[in-house]
């Protein structure tokens, strides 16, 4: 009996270790807290996030990131401290960094501006196609003109009239840009609720469209 109990304890412990490792280094689960990403994401959606950092991130991707130093403009938590805080959150300890989900619009080195005569966002002077916006949604009512430096992203919510995104932090110390080092991963799917399950990122890990071509985000 004691031997059987020990075996059960070992199996449970191994399961917890594997689950924690998967969540920390492979896939994580995030919950959408607000309406800022409608209509693509709804409040309460459970998302599967590929724990890849900023590797392979492209324009149009949905990313989850730690807002420290950008959306939460204070400095003092390094990457190791952030990882430790997130590990603590898995077991219910307080102090995890605040995480956000937004869409990547501007990539390192690009100039992103609002807007041209038709109301479209401009990336390096070219209008950006945004098919994910709800019909009638203006790309932005806030004017901005940002030149991104190395390792910087410009991220926006799909519900542009209510989203607290990079535009809302133009006057903050970080200027609204998100460091690529703070990106935790890409959203790959809506896993819950059942009626909303959807695959959101099915591209090969080489970053192409499956035919060797890297898709563009401009037209």
Protein backbone atom coordinates (compact mmCIF):
# COMPACT_ATOMS: atom_id res chain seq x y z
CA UNK A 1 0.00 0.00 0.00
CA UNK A 2 2.78 2.42 0.92
CA UNK A 3 4.64 1.54 -2.28
CA UNK A 4 1.50 2.25 -4.34
CA UNK A 5 0.99 5.58 -2.56
CA UNK A 6 4.57 6.56 -3.29
CA UNK A 7 4.08 5.70 -6.97
CA UNK A 8 0.97 7.90 -7.14
CA UNK A 9 2.84 10.79 -5.51
CA UNK A 10 5.70 10.42 -7.99
CA UNK A 11 3.31 10.38 -10.97
CA UNK A 12 1.46 13.47 -9.73
CA UNK A 13 4.73 15.29 -9.07
CA UNK A 14 6.03 14.45 -12.55
CA UNK A 15 2.75 15.60 -14.11
CA UNK A 16 3.01 18.93 -12.29
CA UNK A 17 6.61 19.38 -13.42
CA UNK A 18 5.76 18.58 -17.05
CA UNK A 19 2.71 20.88 -17.00
CA UNK A 20 4.72 23.73 -15.51
CA UNK A 21 7.55 23.23 -18.01
CA UNK A 22 5.13 23.21 -20.95
CA UNK A 23 3.46 26.40 -19.74
CA UNK A 24 6.76 28.16 -19.13
CA UNK A 25 8.66 27.13 -22.27
CA UNK A 26 6.24 25.76 -24.91
CA UNK A 27 2.59 26.81 -24.63
CA UNK A 28 0.89 29.07 -22.14
CA UNK A 29 -2.74 30.00 -21.59
CA UNK A 30 -3.88 33.63 -21.46
CA UNK A 31 -7.32 35.09 -20.81
CA UNK A 32 -8.63 38.10 -22.74
CA UNK A 33 -9.67 40.62 -20.06
CA UNK A 34 -11.30 43.38 -22.13
CA UNK A 35 -12.97 44.33 -25.39
CA UNK A 36 -9.85 45.99 -26.83
CA UNK A 37 -9.28 43.20 -29.39
CA UNK A 38 -12.82 42.85 -30.69
CA UNK A 39 -13.99 41.50 -33.06
CA UNK A 40 -11.00 39.12 -33.32
CA UNK A 41 -10.96 38.27 -29.61
CA UNK A 42 -13.77 38.52 -27.08
CA UNK A 43 -13.55 39.13 -23.32
CA UNK A 44 -13.15 35.77 -21.58
CA UNK A 45 -11.54 33.98 -24.54
CA UNK A 46 -8.85 31.52 -23.46
CA UNK A 47 -5.84 31.77 -25.76
CA UNK A 48 -3.01 29.36 -26.49
CA UNK A 49 0.27 31.28 -26.64
CA UNK A 50 3.39 29.86 -28.23
CA UNK A 51 6.22 30.73 -25.83
CA UNK A 52 8.63 31.94 -28.50
CA UNK A 53 9.44 35.45 -27.35
CA UNK A 54 9.70 37.80 -30.33
CA UNK A 55 11.24 35.11 -32.57
CA UNK A 56 9.44 35.08 -35.90
CA UNK A 57 7.02 37.88 -35.00
CA UNK A 58 5.60 39.62 -38.05
CA UNK A 59 3.23 42.47 -38.73
CA UNK A 60 -0.34 41.39 -38.04
CA UNK A 61 0.59 38.85 -35.35
CA UNK A 62 -1.22 38.83 -32.03
CA UNK A 63 1.36 38.88 -29.26
CA UNK A 64 1.29 38.61 -25.49
CA UNK A 65 3.84 40.80 -23.73
CA UNK A 66 4.93 42.00 -20.32
CA UNK A 67 3.98 45.69 -20.12
CA UNK A 68 6.81 46.64 -17.77
CA UNK A 69 8.55 49.76 -19.05
CA UNK A 70 6.00 50.43 -21.80
CA UNK A 71 2.34 50.00 -20.90
CA UNK A 72 3.33 49.91 -17.21
CA UNK A 73 6.09 52.53 -17.43
CA UNK A 74 8.45 51.63 -14.63
CA UNK A 75 11.79 49.90 -14.76
CA UNK A 76 13.29 47.50 -12.29
CA UNK A 77 12.32 43.98 -13.28
CA UNK A 78 14.85 42.16 -15.42
CA UNK A 79 14.13 39.10 -17.58
CA UNK A 80 15.12 36.64 -14.84
CA UNK A 81 12.94 38.41 -12.28
CA UNK A 82 10.03 38.40 -14.73
CA UNK A 83 10.45 34.66 -15.32
CA UNK A 84 10.54 34.04 -11.57
CA UNK A 85 7.42 36.14 -11.06
CA UNK A 86 5.56 34.24 -13.78
CA UNK A 87 6.61 30.92 -12.26
CA UNK A 88 5.26 32.16 -8.92
CA UNK A 89 1.99 33.08 -10.57
CA UNK A 90 1.53 29.47 -11.69
CA UNK A 91 1.43 28.39 -8.05
CA UNK A 92 -0.66 31.33 -6.90
CA UNK A 93 2.00 33.72 -5.63
CA UNK A 94 1.48 37.46 -6.22
CA UNK A 95 3.82 39.73 -8.15
CA UNK A 96 3.53 38.42 -11.72
CA UNK A 97 4.12 41.05 -14.41
CA UNK A 98 1.00 42.48 -16.02
CA UNK A 99 0.51 40.96 -19.45
CA UNK A 100 -1.27 42.36 -22.52
CA UNK A 101 -2.42 41.00 -25.85
CA UNK A 102 -2.26 43.31 -28.88
CA UNK A 103 -1.64 43.20 -32.63
CA UNK A 104 1.77 44.06 -34.07
CA UNK A 105 1.50 46.95 -36.53
CA UNK A 106 5.04 48.34 -36.62
CA UNK A 107 8.31 46.38 -36.65
CA UNK A 108 11.83 47.46 -35.63
CA UNK A 109 13.23 50.23 -37.84
CA UNK A 110 9.90 51.16 -39.41
CA UNK A 111 8.06 54.49 -39.39
CA UNK A 112 4.40 54.17 -38.42
CA UNK A 113 2.04 57.13 -38.78
CA UNK A 114 -1.60 58.12 -38.73
CA UNK A 115 -2.94 58.69 -41.25
CA UNK A 116 -3.17 59.26 -45.01
CA UNK A 117 -5.96 61.14 -46.80
CA UNK A 118 -8.13 58.01 -46.85
CA UNK A 119 -7.67 57.44 -43.11
CA UNK A 120 -5.33 54.42 -43.43
CA UNK A 121 -2.29 53.92 -41.23
CA UNK A 122 1.05 54.35 -42.97
CA UNK A 123 4.07 52.08 -42.57
CA UNK A 124 7.17 53.56 -44.20
CA UNK A 125 4.84 55.77 -46.22
CA UNK A 126 2.65 52.95 -47.56
CA UNK A 127 -1.00 52.41 -46.53
CA UNK A 128 -1.58 49.41 -44.31
CA UNK A 129 -4.37 46.93 -45.13
CA UNK A 130 -6.20 45.93 -41.94
CA UNK A 131 -8.88 43.35 -42.80
CA UNK A 132 -9.22 42.37 -39.14
CA UNK A 133 -10.92 45.68 -38.22
CA UNK A 134 -14.70 45.67 -37.94
CA UNK A 135 -16.47 47.40 -40.86
CA UNK A 136 -16.66 51.13 -40.28
CA UNK A 137 -13.84 51.16 -37.72
CA UNK A 138 -11.39 54.03 -38.22
CA UNK A 139 -7.76 52.84 -38.09
CA UNK A 140 -7.06 55.62 -35.58
CA UNK A 141 -8.56 58.88 -34.35
CA UNK A 142 -5.26 59.65 -32.59
CA UNK A 143 -2.55 61.23 -34.72
CA UNK A 144 0.98 59.90 -34.33
CA UNK A 145 4.22 59.60 -36.26
CA UNK A 146 6.71 57.14 -34.75
CA UNK A 147 10.09 55.93 -35.94
CA UNK A 148 10.79 52.61 -34.22
CA UNK A 149 14.32 51.81 -33.13
CA UNK A 150 16.01 48.41 -33.02
CA UNK A 151 14.11 45.96 -30.85
CA UNK A 152 10.91 48.03 -30.73
CA UNK A 153 7.32 47.21 -31.75
CA UNK A 154 4.21 49.34 -32.22
CA UNK A 155 1.09 47.45 -31.14
CA UNK A 156 -2.60 48.31 -31.42
CA UNK A 157 -5.91 46.79 -30.39
CA UNK A 158 -8.40 45.84 -33.09
CA UNK A 159 -11.17 47.84 -31.36
CA UNK A 160 -9.42 51.12 -32.11
CA UNK A 161 -12.07 53.34 -30.49
CA UNK A 162 -11.70 51.73 -27.03
CA UNK A 163 -8.27 50.04 -27.04
CA UNK A 164 -5.63 51.21 -24.57
CA UNK A 165 -2.69 50.45 -26.85
CA UNK A 166 0.58 52.08 -27.96
CA UNK A 167 -1.29 55.31 -28.78
CA UNK A 168 -2.43 55.68 -25.18
CA UNK A 169 1.18 55.72 -23.95
CA UNK A 170 2.69 58.28 -26.31
CA UNK A 171 3.43 60.59 -23.38
CA UNK A 172 4.80 57.91 -21.08
CA UNK A 173 8.54 57.29 -20.57
CA UNK A 174 8.52 54.37 -23.02
CA UNK A 175 6.65 56.39 -25.67
CA UNK A 176 4.20 53.54 -26.27
CA UNK A 177 6.73 51.25 -27.95
CA UNK A 178 7.04 47.67 -26.72
CA UNK A 179 10.57 46.21 -26.47
CA UNK A 180 10.87 42.89 -28.28
CA UNK A 181 12.58 41.55 -25.14
CA UNK A 182 9.22 41.89 -23.34
CA UNK A 183 7.31 39.76 -25.86
CA UNK A 184 6.35 36.43 -24.30
CA UNK A 185 4.93 34.77 -27.41
CA UNK A 186 2.44 34.67 -30.26
CA UNK A 187 -1.22 33.81 -29.91
CA UNK A 188 -1.81 30.64 -31.94
CA UNK A 189 -5.42 29.75 -31.12
CA UNK A 190 -8.58 30.50 -29.20
CA UNK A 191 -9.03 27.37 -27.09
CA UNK A 192 -12.18 28.29 -25.14
CA UNK A 193 -15.16 28.67 -25.15
CA UNK A 194 -16.08 25.82 -27.51
CA UNK A 195 -18.14 27.97 -29.86
CA UNK A 196 -15.20 30.30 -30.48
CA UNK A 197 -12.32 27.87 -30.92
CA UNK A 198 -10.17 28.98 -33.83
CA UNK A 199 -6.64 28.61 -35.14
CA UNK A 200 -5.06 32.08 -35.40
CA UNK A 201 -1.49 31.26 -36.42
CA UNK A 202 -0.89 28.18 -38.55
CA UNK A 203 2.19 29.27 -40.47
CA UNK A 204 5.35 27.13 -40.56
CA UNK A 205 8.05 28.02 -38.03
CA UNK A 206 10.34 29.22 -40.84
CA UNK A 207 8.11 32.30 -41.04
CA UNK A 208 6.92 31.69 -44.62
CA UNK A 209 3.49 30.95 -46.04
CA UNK A 210 4.35 27.29 -46.68
CA UNK A 211 5.59 28.00 -50.20
CA UNK A 212 8.79 29.72 -49.23
CA UNK A 213 7.37 33.25 -49.45
CA UNK A 214 7.25 35.66 -46.54
CA UNK A 215 3.81 37.32 -46.71
CA UNK A 216 3.65 41.10 -46.64
CA UNK A 217 1.33 43.29 -44.61
CA UNK A 218 1.08 46.27 -46.97
CA UNK A 219 -0.86 46.97 -50.09
